C-alpha cells in the first residue's frame, strides 16, 4: 500500500535549470513539489553549452523540441591579427562537428543561454500546475523522523518579512555555490579558489561592428585577451570573457565605461558599437565539492554540491544530471515502492563522477592558461561515457563489476564498445511495432520509450523469454515497468508468427528491429544475457539472463510491493 503523501512532498530551493529539472522529473512521476528562488528570473547567458548527454535527458523529459527550436551549434572561433583587429589570423573549431549515429543521435555541443533553458523548463512546470515562487527565500529548516519543517520568507509591499512554515517529506537545495541548504546541513565543501586565474565575464549589447556567426577572439591569454560570443538568437547580446595578467580586472569590472575601454584597447577596434551592459562579474574559479550529496531527508545538487572552472562546459550539465539521478529515486521512495536506502545511491553514484569531472576540467583550465591556445576538449566532455559501474544498485551477469578494470573511469568512454550495467543505454531508431497496447503500427525508437517515470525492460529473445519476464513483473504495479520484446531484422518463423498472431502474454510492446540498429547497439549482450533493464534516467540498471537476475535487480531497487 502506498503511504499517505505530504503535499507538497518535496521543497526545491533554487529554480535554475538544476532545480527545474528535478521538479519536472518529480512532477512527471506524479509527485507534488514546491520550487522557490530568493531571486527573480535569471538574467544573462551564463552556462550556455548543452552537452549531448543532457540533450538526451531533455528528450526523455519531453523538453528537447523546445530546446532545439532556439538553440544553435557552436560557432567557428576566429582569432584576429593585431594591431588592427579586423583581419582573421586563423579560425578553428572549439567543438569539431561529429556526424550522429543511430545509437548516439546527439553528438555535438548545442548553445543555449541558461536563462532561456530556465524559461523553457518553467513553462513545462506550469503545464503540470507548478509555478516557480520567485523572491521566496529559505531561512531555515529542521529535520524530523518523517518530515522536514522549512521556514520561507517573502516580502510584503512595505518590504516587511512574511514568514511561512511548511511541512515536506524531503528538501533539496539547488541554490548555488553559496547554498543555504549545504551550509545548514554542515556538509564539507573542500577545495580552493584559483587566485592565479582571473576573468571578467558578463553580457553586453553590441549593435554594430561584429557578425553573429563567429566566436570572436583577440590577444594572448598569457598577457591580455578578449572573447566576444554572440547569443543563440539575433538579439545583439554578446558574452564577453576578458583575461590575462596585464588586465586590471577590478577596474575593468567596475562598470560599462571601463569595460568598453578595456575591450577597445585589446581589440584595437573603434568600430564596435556597444549598447547596454546586462551583467558583469570579476570572476575567479573555485574548485570544490561536498563530501556527500545529502543527509537524512535533505539533499543538494548542482553548484550547491560542486563548483569548478568553466573549462569544458560541464557545470550546468553535471548539475542537471545530479537532478535526473535523484528525481526518479525520490519518486519511488515517496510512493512507497522503494526503501529510503535507495537514496544512498545518489551520493554513491554521483560523487565519483563529480570528482572525475573536477579533475578533468581543472586539467583543461591549466592547459589553456599555461599554453594560451584553444581548449582541445576530449570526447569525455560530451558526458556520453559517464557511468555508475561502481554502484551497489546494479546487476550485471556478464561481468564482475567490482573489478577495477571494468570500473575504469566514471567519466570515461565505454571500453571497446562493450556495454555494462551503469552505462548510458544506447538509442536504436527505426523499430517496427508488431504489437502494442495501443495497436500502433508506426515506427518507434528506444529513446521514445525511455521515460523518467518507469523502468524499460528490453528483451532480445524468444516469445517465451518475454512472457516469462512479463509474468514475473505482473505482480508489481503496472506503471513501474514497460516490457519490450525485440525481434531481429532478419525474420524467423517465431517472429513471423508473432507478427501475424496475438500479442505475447503480458508483454507491453513487441518490436522488430527493422534496420538492425538495436541488435547492433546492444550486440555485446546478445549471448545468454539478453535482458537489459533501463532505469528511468536512461542508464542500464541490469543485464541478466532471466528471471533470477531480474529478481536480484528488482529486490535491490524496490521494496516488497507485490
Foldseek 3Di string as FASTA:
>chain_A
DFDDFDVQAEEEEDQFLLSLLLLLLQLVQVHHYAYEYQADQDFFQPLFKAFQLNLLLCLQSVLNVVVVVQKAFAFKAFEADPPVLPHTPDIDDLWDDDCADQQRRGQGIITAGRSSSSVSSQVSSVVSVYHYHYSKDWDDWDDDPQWIWTWIWHADPVRDTDIDIDIHRFYEYAHAQVTPQLVNQVWDWDFFWDPVWKKKKAKWAWDDDDDQRYFYKFDFQQAKIKTWHHHSDPPRMTMMIIHHPNDPLVQCQPDDVSVVVRVCVGSVDPTTHTDGTGHMDTDIFIFIATPFQDDDRYGYFFNNGTTADCALSPGVNLRNLLSLQQNLQVSCVNRQFFPPCLNRVSRLQSVLVSVLVRVQRVVQVCCCSVVRDRRRDDSLSSQQFQWRLVTPLAAEPVDDSVDCVCPPHNSDHHPPLADTFGHFRTKAWQKAWLDAPVRDGDTDMVSVVQHSNEKEKEAEDALVQQLQQLVLCVLAPPRHYAYEYEYELDDDPRVVCSSPDDHRPRHHTYIYSNVRRNCVSNVNLPDQFGMWIAHNSRGTRYTGNHDVSVCVNSVSGTPPRD
